[in-house]
């Protein structure tokens, strides 16, 4: 009887031990599952927030200003991601770098740098105060020359330099022509980042005349005038946006 009681007691202890072990395993699996689910949700939310920035440019009609903004966003992102492969990262697209984004742009018209010089003339009101500035006549040759105009024939005077011809450009470097692609990348980076979206202006005054010179060093005027649409949006395996293509609005 005593042996039987001990055997029952031992069996009970083993059963309790098995139940406790099963409970621990069950709780561990559930906690791990909850942690994985939480992590998946966080990753999904992060991807959603990332995509939202770029999908804001998935439009059927937009001016070049929007494309410049999207280009700047991608360059900034790529500079951060490219830190994993170089100490001095640029904003080019690298398909081997996680989270890298490529922007492809088809230009309908040429992009030119511009220097525009306009001669303005004071208009004095009845009270003797200057009421406005109006374009001056090209007849004032001495005024034109004193304010830096090379010739009084045209007002305003413009000097254009080709920056990008009509065609397709992107942040991706072609290994067969990487030198030329890097020059193009530098131009795109200057337009989207270095320009800060501004055109420099200089003013000179000579008597009642004012010469206003605008230096569009990055072709902002030509770029912003063009009308685009987003033709395609691409995603990587995780669903994160990694490509946008902008083409002229037909």
C-alpha atoms as a PDB file:
ATOM      1  CA  UNK A   1       0.000   0.000   0.000  1.00  0.00           C
ATOM      2  CA  UNK A   2       2.786   2.359   0.892  1.00  0.00           C
ATOM      3  CA  UNK A   3       4.554   1.678  -2.422  1.00  0.00           C
ATOM      4  CA  UNK A   4       1.342   2.246  -4.322  1.00  0.00           C
ATOM      5  CA  UNK A   5       0.804   5.568  -2.546  1.00  0.00           C
ATOM      6  CA  UNK A   6       4.347   6.670  -3.388  1.00  0.00           C
ATOM      7  CA  UNK A   7       3.857   5.679  -7.019  1.00  0.00           C
ATOM      8  CA  UNK A   8       0.644   7.694  -7.232  1.00  0.00           C
ATOM      9  CA  UNK A   9       2.338  10.653  -5.575  1.00  0.00           C
ATOM     10  CA  UNK A  10       5.268  10.423  -7.979  1.00  0.00           C
ATOM     11  CA  UNK A  11       2.952  10.148 -10.975  1.00  0.00           C
ATOM     12  CA  UNK A  12       1.052  13.201  -9.758  1.00  0.00           C
ATOM     13  CA  UNK A  13       4.255  15.185  -9.415  1.00  0.00           C
ATOM     14  CA  UNK A  14       5.347  14.153 -12.905  1.00  0.00           C
ATOM     15  CA  UNK A  15       1.956  15.148 -14.309  1.00  0.00           C
ATOM     16  CA  UNK A  16       2.075  18.530 -12.578  1.00  0.00           C
ATOM     17  CA  UNK A  17       5.594  19.024 -13.931  1.00  0.00           C
ATOM     18  CA  UNK A  18       4.465  18.175 -17.450  1.00  0.00           C
ATOM     19  CA  UNK A  19       1.501  20.532 -17.144  1.00  0.00           C
ATOM     20  CA  UNK A  20       3.719  23.347 -15.867  1.00  0.00           C
ATOM     21  CA  UNK A  21       6.220  22.759 -18.667  1.00  0.00           C
ATOM     22  CA  UNK A  22       3.419  22.753 -21.218  1.00  0.00           C
ATOM     23  CA  UNK A  23       2.109  25.994 -19.755  1.00  0.00           C
ATOM     24  CA  UNK A  24       5.555  27.615 -19.967  1.00  0.00           C
ATOM     25  CA  UNK A  25       5.950  26.513 -23.588  1.00  0.00           C
ATOM     26  CA  UNK A  26       2.438  27.748 -24.406  1.00  0.00           C
ATOM     27  CA  UNK A  27       3.078  31.145 -22.809  1.00  0.00           C
ATOM     28  CA  UNK A  28       6.488  31.464 -24.510  1.00  0.00           C
ATOM     29  CA  UNK A  29       5.018  30.717 -27.921  1.00  0.00           C
ATOM     30  CA  UNK A  30       2.199  33.181 -27.411  1.00  0.00           C
ATOM     31  CA  UNK A  31       4.545  35.920 -26.182  1.00  0.00           C
ATOM     32  CA  UNK A  32       6.863  35.287 -29.153  1.00  0.00           C
ATOM     33  CA  UNK A  33       3.884  35.373 -31.492  1.00  0.00           C
ATOM     34  CA  UNK A  34       2.700  38.652 -29.976  1.00  0.00           C
ATOM     35  CA  UNK A  35       6.187  40.144 -30.291  1.00  0.00           C
ATOM     36  CA  UNK A  36       6.418  39.062 -33.934  1.00  0.00           C
ATOM     37  CA  UNK A  37       2.972  40.462 -34.633  1.00  0.00           C
ATOM     38  CA  UNK A  38       3.923  43.740 -32.959  1.00  0.00           C
ATOM     39  CA  UNK A  39       7.129  43.883 -34.995  1.00  0.00           C
ATOM     40  CA  UNK A  40       5.238  43.148 -38.234  1.00  0.00           C
ATOM     41  CA  UNK A  41       2.779  45.934 -37.451  1.00  0.00           C
ATOM     42  CA  UNK A  42       5.612  48.392 -36.757  1.00  0.00           C
ATOM     43  CA  UNK A  43       7.365  47.460 -40.014  1.00  0.00           C
ATOM     44  CA  UNK A  44       4.094  47.783 -41.929  1.00  0.00           C
ATOM     45  CA  UNK A  45       3.423  51.207 -40.412  1.00  0.00           C
ATOM     46  CA  UNK A  46       6.978  52.347 -41.182  1.00  0.00           C
ATOM     47  CA  UNK A  47       6.644  51.249 -44.819  1.00  0.00           C
ATOM     48  CA  UNK A  48       3.264  52.979 -45.038  1.00  0.00           C
ATOM     49  CA  UNK A  49       4.732  56.254 -43.725  1.00  0.00           C
ATOM     50  CA  UNK A  50       7.694  55.965 -46.101  1.00  0.00           C
ATOM     51  CA  UNK A  51       5.439  55.308 -49.093  1.00  0.00           C
ATOM     52  CA  UNK A  52       3.076  58.123 -48.196  1.00  0.00           C
ATOM     53  CA  UNK A  53       5.840  60.694 -48.845  1.00  0.00           C
ATOM     54  CA  UNK A  54       6.367  59.443 -52.393  1.00  0.00           C
ATOM     55  CA  UNK A  55       2.798  58.525 -53.286  1.00  0.00           C
ATOM     56  CA  UNK A  56       1.910  62.186 -52.726  1.00  0.00           C
ATOM     57  CA  UNK A  57       3.571  62.716 -56.115  1.00  0.00           C
ATOM     58  CA  UNK A  58       1.593  59.999 -57.889  1.00  0.00           C
ATOM     59  CA  UNK A  59      -0.475  62.550 -59.821  1.00  0.00           C
ATOM     60  CA  UNK A  60      -1.864  62.792 -63.325  1.00  0.00           C
ATOM     61  CA  UNK A  61      -0.991  66.497 -63.565  1.00  0.00           C
ATOM     62  CA  UNK A  62       1.754  68.495 -61.864  1.00  0.00           C
ATOM     63  CA  UNK A  63       4.248  71.265 -62.568  1.00  0.00           C
ATOM     64  CA  UNK A  64       7.998  70.773 -62.431  1.00  0.00           C
ATOM     65  CA  UNK A  65       8.009  72.154 -58.875  1.00  0.00           C
ATOM     66  CA  UNK A  66       6.491  68.893 -57.595  1.00  0.00           C
ATOM     67  CA  UNK A  67       8.953  66.770 -59.560  1.00  0.00           C
ATOM     68  CA  UNK A  68      11.846  68.804 -58.139  1.00  0.00           C
ATOM     69  CA  UNK A  69      10.496  68.194 -54.615  1.00  0.00           C
ATOM     70  CA  UNK A  70      10.212  64.440 -55.215  1.00  0.00           C
ATOM     71  CA  UNK A  71      13.708  64.389 -56.693  1.00  0.00           C
ATOM     72  CA  UNK A  72      15.091  66.161 -53.624  1.00  0.00           C
ATOM     73  CA  UNK A  73      13.300  63.707 -51.321  1.00  0.00           C
ATOM     74  CA  UNK A  74      14.836  60.710 -53.103  1.00  0.00           C
ATOM     75  CA  UNK A  75      18.338  62.233 -53.139  1.00  0.00           C
ATOM     76  CA  UNK A  76      18.149  62.950 -49.412  1.00  0.00           C
ATOM     77  CA  UNK A  77      16.954  59.386 -48.728  1.00  0.00           C
ATOM     78  CA  UNK A  78      19.660  57.826 -50.904  1.00  0.00           C
ATOM     79  CA  UNK A  79      22.428  59.793 -49.206  1.00  0.00           C
ATOM     80  CA  UNK A  80      21.372  58.264 -45.901  1.00  0.00           C
ATOM     81  CA  UNK A  81      21.064  54.721 -47.286  1.00  0.00           C
ATOM     82  CA  UNK A  82      24.345  54.930 -49.227  1.00  0.00           C
ATOM     83  CA  UNK A  83      26.225  55.443 -45.956  1.00  0.00           C
ATOM     84  CA  UNK A  84      26.239  51.650 -45.720  1.00  0.00           C
ATOM     85  CA  UNK A  85      28.607  51.418 -48.708  1.00  0.00           C
ATOM     86  CA  UNK A  86      30.668  54.611 -48.579  1.00  0.00           C
ATOM     87  CA  UNK A  87      31.857  57.233 -46.119  1.00  0.00           C
ATOM     88  CA  UNK A  88      31.000  60.050 -48.562  1.00  0.00           C
ATOM     89  CA  UNK A  89      27.581  59.094 -49.933  1.00  0.00           C
ATOM     90  CA  UNK A  90      25.830  60.836 -52.788  1.00  0.00           C
ATOM     91  CA  UNK A  91      22.147  60.622 -53.680  1.00  0.00           C
ATOM     92  CA  UNK A  92      22.404  58.245 -56.640  1.00  0.00           C
ATOM     93  CA  UNK A  93      20.216  55.141 -56.840  1.00  0.00           C
ATOM     94  CA  UNK A  94      21.897  51.807 -56.098  1.00  0.00           C
ATOM     95  CA  UNK A  95      19.782  48.684 -56.567  1.00  0.00           C
ATOM     96  CA  UNK A  96      22.083  46.777 -54.181  1.00  0.00           C
ATOM     97  CA  UNK A  97      21.382  49.203 -51.341  1.00  0.00           C
ATOM     98  CA  UNK A  98      18.263  48.551 -49.285  1.00  0.00           C
ATOM     99  CA  UNK A  99      15.626  51.302 -49.402  1.00  0.00           C
ATOM    100  CA  UNK A 100      17.316  53.143 -52.292  1.00  0.00           C
ATOM    101  CA  UNK A 101      14.896  55.105 -54.521  1.00  0.00           C
ATOM    102  CA  UNK A 102      15.227  55.868 -58.237  1.00  0.00           C
ATOM    103  CA  UNK A 103      13.491  58.818 -59.904  1.00  0.00           C
ATOM    104  CA  UNK A 104      13.232  58.849 -63.698  1.00  0.00           C
ATOM    105  CA  UNK A 105      12.270  62.042 -65.523  1.00  0.00           C
ATOM    106  CA  UNK A 106      11.419  62.563 -69.177  1.00  0.00           C
ATOM    107  CA  UNK A 107      11.892  66.177 -70.240  1.00  0.00           C
ATOM    108  CA  UNK A 108       9.859  67.508 -73.147  1.00  0.00           C
ATOM    109  CA  UNK A 109      11.828  70.747 -73.484  1.00  0.00           C
ATOM    110  CA  UNK A 110      15.428  71.785 -72.889  1.00  0.00           C
ATOM    111  CA  UNK A 111      16.576  73.071 -69.515  1.00  0.00           C
ATOM    112  CA  UNK A 112      18.721  76.207 -69.748  1.00  0.00           C
ATOM    113  CA  UNK A 113      20.552  78.362 -67.272  1.00  0.00           C
ATOM    114  CA  UNK A 114      19.522  81.997 -67.790  1.00  0.00           C
ATOM    115  CA  UNK A 115      20.863  85.424 -67.082  1.00  0.00           C
ATOM    116  CA  UNK A 116      18.117  87.989 -67.593  1.00  0.00           C
ATOM    117  CA  UNK A 117      18.825  91.717 -67.333  1.00  0.00           C
ATOM    118  CA  UNK A 118      15.886  94.118 -67.377  1.00  0.00           C
ATOM    119  CA  UNK A 119      16.076  97.915 -67.352  1.00  0.00           C
ATOM    120  CA  UNK A 120      13.266  99.593 -65.432  1.00  0.00           C
ATOM    121  CA  UNK A 121      12.304 103.266 -65.291  1.00  0.00           C
ATOM    122  CA  UNK A 122      10.824 105.116 -62.309  1.00  0.00           C
ATOM    123  CA  UNK A 123       7.321 106.472 -62.718  1.00  0.00           C
ATOM    124  CA  UNK A 124       6.761 109.505 -60.488  1.00  0.00           C
ATOM    125  CA  UNK A 125       3.254 110.278 -59.283  1.00  0.00           C
ATOM    126  CA  UNK A 126       1.597 113.655 -58.797  1.00  0.00           C
ATOM    127  CA  UNK A 127       2.861 113.767 -55.230  1.00  0.00           C
ATOM    128  CA  UNK A 128       6.464 113.428 -56.449  1.00  0.00           C
ATOM    129  CA  UNK A 129       6.890 109.913 -55.082  1.00  0.00           C
ATOM    130  CA  UNK A 130       7.900 106.922 -57.162  1.00  0.00           C
ATOM    131  CA  UNK A 131       4.699 105.015 -57.812  1.00  0.00           C
ATOM    132  CA  UNK A 132       6.016 102.126 -59.910  1.00  0.00           C
ATOM    133  CA  UNK A 133       8.752 100.742 -62.128  1.00  0.00           C
ATOM    134  CA  UNK A 134       8.074 100.127 -65.813  1.00  0.00           C
ATOM    135  CA  UNK A 135      10.322  98.656 -68.530  1.00  0.00           C
ATOM    136  CA  UNK A 136      12.473 101.379 -70.036  1.00  0.00           C
ATOM    137  CA  UNK A 137      12.665 102.110 -73.736  1.00  0.00           C
ATOM    138  CA  UNK A 138      15.658 100.767 -75.633  1.00  0.00           C
ATOM    139  CA  UNK A 139      16.356 104.330 -76.798  1.00  0.00           C
ATOM    140  CA  UNK A 140      18.320 105.118 -73.651  1.00  0.00           C
ATOM    141  CA  UNK A 141      21.639 103.792 -74.922  1.00  0.00           C
ATOM    142  CA  UNK A 142      23.865 105.514 -72.360  1.00  0.00           C
ATOM    143  CA  UNK A 143      21.695 104.212 -69.530  1.00  0.00           C
ATOM    144  CA  UNK A 144      21.861 100.659 -70.853  1.00  0.00           C
ATOM    145  CA  UNK A 145      25.648 100.795 -71.156  1.00  0.00           C
ATOM    146  CA  UNK A 146      26.185 102.416 -67.743  1.00  0.00           C
ATOM    147  CA  UNK A 147      24.141  99.683 -66.077  1.00  0.00           C
ATOM    148  CA  UNK A 148      26.066  96.834 -67.665  1.00  0.00           C
ATOM    149  CA  UNK A 149      23.991  96.026 -70.749  1.00  0.00           C
ATOM    150  CA  UNK A 150      26.160  94.790 -73.601  1.00  0.00           C
ATOM    151  CA  UNK A 151      23.798  96.350 -76.124  1.00  0.00           C
ATOM    152  CA  UNK A 152      20.742  98.596 -75.876  1.00  0.00           C
ATOM    153  CA  UNK A 153      18.914  96.735 -78.630  1.00  0.00           C
ATOM    154  CA  UNK A 154      16.770  94.487 -76.423  1.00  0.00           C
ATOM    155  CA  UNK A 155      15.099  94.977 -73.092  1.00  0.00           C
ATOM    156  CA  UNK A 156      15.153  92.603 -71.342  1.00  0.00           C
ATOM    157  CA  UNK A 157      18.398  90.912 -72.397  1.00  0.00           C
ATOM    158  CA  UNK A 158      18.761  87.167 -71.950  1.00  0.00           C
ATOM    159  CA  UNK A 159      21.758  84.871 -72.120  1.00  0.00           C
ATOM    160  CA  UNK A 160      20.923  81.158 -72.133  1.00  0.00           C
ATOM    161  CA  UNK A 161      23.209  78.138 -71.710  1.00  0.00           C
ATOM    162  CA  UNK A 162      21.975  74.594 -72.338  1.00  0.00           C
ATOM    163  CA  UNK A 163      21.990  72.494 -69.178  1.00  0.00           C
ATOM    164  CA  UNK A 164      19.882  69.452 -70.124  1.00  0.00           C
ATOM    165  CA  UNK A 165      18.426  68.726 -73.549  1.00  0.00           C
ATOM    166  CA  UNK A 166      15.018  67.104 -73.934  1.00  0.00           C
ATOM    167  CA  UNK A 167      15.312  63.411 -73.045  1.00  0.00           C
ATOM    168  CA  UNK A 168      15.123  60.957 -70.135  1.00  0.00           C
ATOM    169  CA  UNK A 169      17.258  61.188 -66.993  1.00  0.00           C
ATOM    170  CA  UNK A 170      17.397  59.303 -63.694  1.00  0.00           C
ATOM    171  CA  UNK A 171      19.327  58.872 -60.438  1.00  0.00           C
ATOM    172  CA  UNK A 172      20.650  55.502 -61.589  1.00  0.00           C
ATOM    173  CA  UNK A 173      24.228  55.315 -62.857  1.00  0.00           C
ATOM    174  CA  UNK A 174      24.879  53.310 -65.998  1.00  0.00           C
ATOM    175  CA  UNK A 175      28.124  51.360 -65.446  1.00  0.00           C
ATOM    176  CA  UNK A 176      28.930  51.724 -69.155  1.00  0.00           C
ATOM    177  CA  UNK A 177      28.653  55.498 -69.031  1.00  0.00           C
ATOM    178  CA  UNK A 178      28.987  56.344 -65.356  1.00  0.00           C
ATOM    179  CA  UNK A 179      31.116  59.467 -65.964  1.00  0.00           C
ATOM    180  CA  UNK A 180      28.388  61.124 -68.047  1.00  0.00           C
ATOM    181  CA  UNK A 181      25.704  59.877 -65.658  1.00  0.00           C
ATOM    182  CA  UNK A 182      27.523  61.452 -62.713  1.00  0.00           C
ATOM    183  CA  UNK A 183      27.538  64.797 -64.533  1.00  0.00           C
ATOM    184  CA  UNK A 184      23.786  64.437 -65.060  1.00  0.00           C
ATOM    185  CA  UNK A 185      23.298  63.428 -61.422  1.00  0.00           C
ATOM    186  CA  UNK A 186      25.198  66.559 -60.315  1.00  0.00           C
ATOM    187  CA  UNK A 187      22.889  68.726 -62.452  1.00  0.00           C
ATOM    188  CA  UNK A 188      19.791  67.027 -60.979  1.00  0.00           C
ATOM    189  CA  UNK A 189      21.142  67.411 -57.445  1.00  0.00           C
ATOM    190  CA  UNK A 190      21.890  71.097 -58.066  1.00  0.00           C
ATOM    191  CA  UNK A 191      18.343  71.649 -59.349  1.00  0.00           C
ATOM    192  CA  UNK A 192      16.678  69.807 -56.456  1.00  0.00           C
ATOM    193  CA  UNK A 193      18.989  70.652 -53.561  1.00  0.00           C
ATOM    194  CA  UNK A 194      21.661  73.296 -54.189  1.00  0.00           C
ATOM    195  CA  UNK A 195      19.288  75.805 -55.817  1.00  0.00           C
ATOM    196  CA  UNK A 196      16.994  75.809 -52.758  1.00  0.00           C
ATOM    197  CA  UNK A 197      14.291  76.621 -55.305  1.00  0.00           C
ATOM    198  CA  UNK A 198      15.521  80.206 -55.664  1.00  0.00           C
ATOM    199  CA  UNK A 199      16.756  82.397 -58.522  1.00  0.00           C
ATOM    200  CA  UNK A 200      19.450  84.924 -57.554  1.00  0.00           C
ATOM    201  CA  UNK A 201      18.693  88.603 -58.127  1.00  0.00           C
ATOM    202  CA  UNK A 202      20.977  91.634 -58.329  1.00  0.00           C
ATOM    203  CA  UNK A 203      19.846  95.282 -58.531  1.00  0.00           C
ATOM    204  CA  UNK A 204      21.778  98.343 -59.745  1.00  0.00           C
ATOM    205  CA  UNK A 205      20.433 101.907 -59.729  1.00  0.00           C
ATOM    206  CA  UNK A 206      21.570 104.790 -61.968  1.00  0.00           C
ATOM    207  CA  UNK A 207      19.553 107.959 -61.545  1.00  0.00           C
ATOM    208  CA  UNK A 208      15.905 107.181 -62.226  1.00  0.00           C
ATOM    209  CA  UNK A 209      16.723 103.812 -63.786  1.00  0.00           C
ATOM    210  CA  UNK A 210      17.075 100.388 -62.192  1.00  0.00           C
ATOM    211  CA  UNK A 211      18.735  97.357 -63.764  1.00  0.00           C
ATOM    212  CA  UNK A 212      17.451  94.077 -62.372  1.00  0.00           C
ATOM    213  CA  UNK A 213      19.524  90.986 -63.183  1.00  0.00           C
ATOM    214  CA  UNK A 214      18.226  87.492 -62.435  1.00  0.00           C
ATOM    215  CA  UNK A 215      20.637  84.563 -62.441  1.00  0.00           C
ATOM    216  CA  UNK A 216      18.841  81.273 -62.985  1.00  0.00           C
ATOM    217  CA  UNK A 217      21.969  79.138 -62.511  1.00  0.00           C
ATOM    218  CA  UNK A 218      20.106  75.829 -62.326  1.00  0.00           C
ATOM    219  CA  UNK A 219      17.405  76.114 -64.980  1.00  0.00           C
ATOM    220  CA  UNK A 220      14.582  76.400 -62.459  1.00  0.00           C
ATOM    221  CA  UNK A 221      12.436  78.567 -64.741  1.00  0.00           C
ATOM    222  CA  UNK A 222      12.467  76.049 -67.601  1.00  0.00           C
ATOM    223  CA  UNK A 223      11.990  73.066 -65.290  1.00  0.00           C
ATOM    224  CA  UNK A 224       9.112  74.544 -63.325  1.00  0.00           C
ATOM    225  CA  UNK A 225       7.212  75.509 -66.490  1.00  0.00           C
ATOM    226  CA  UNK A 226       7.021  71.933 -67.729  1.00  0.00           C
ATOM    227  CA  UNK A 227       3.904  69.911 -66.924  1.00  0.00           C
ATOM    228  CA  UNK A 228       4.287  66.259 -65.913  1.00  0.00           C
ATOM    229  CA  UNK A 229       2.318  63.227 -64.868  1.00  0.00           C
ATOM    230  CA  UNK A 230       3.480  60.248 -62.822  1.00  0.00           C
ATOM    231  CA  UNK A 231       3.457  57.332 -65.242  1.00  0.00           C
ATOM    232  CA  UNK A 232       4.707  54.543 -63.002  1.00  0.00           C
ATOM    233  CA  UNK A 233       5.397  53.687 -59.357  1.00  0.00           C
ATOM    234  CA  UNK A 234       7.558  50.684 -58.436  1.00  0.00           C
ATOM    235  CA  UNK A 235       7.984  48.793 -55.150  1.00  0.00           C
ATOM    236  CA  UNK A 236      10.583  46.438 -53.723  1.00  0.00           C
ATOM    237  CA  UNK A 237       9.839  42.971 -52.311  1.00  0.00           C
ATOM    238  CA  UNK A 238       8.664  44.454 -48.992  1.00  0.00           C
ATOM    239  CA  UNK A 239       6.198  46.805 -50.706  1.00  0.00           C
ATOM    240  CA  UNK A 240       8.323  49.896 -50.150  1.00  0.00           C
ATOM    241  CA  UNK A 241       8.318  52.467 -52.985  1.00  0.00           C
ATOM    242  CA  UNK A 242      11.652  52.395 -54.828  1.00  0.00           C
ATOM    243  CA  UNK A 243      10.853  53.956 -58.209  1.00  0.00           C
ATOM    244  CA  UNK A 244       8.805  56.756 -59.752  1.00  0.00           C
ATOM    245  CA  UNK A 245       8.727  57.816 -63.389  1.00  0.00           C
ATOM    246  CA  UNK A 246       7.548  61.252 -64.489  1.00  0.00           C
ATOM    247  CA  UNK A 247       6.718  61.972 -68.126  1.00  0.00           C
ATOM    248  CA  UNK A 248       5.379  65.066 -69.950  1.00  0.00           C
ATOM    249  CA  UNK A 249       1.647  65.598 -69.730  1.00  0.00           C
ATOM    250  CA  UNK A 250       0.401  65.105 -73.283  1.00  0.00           C
END
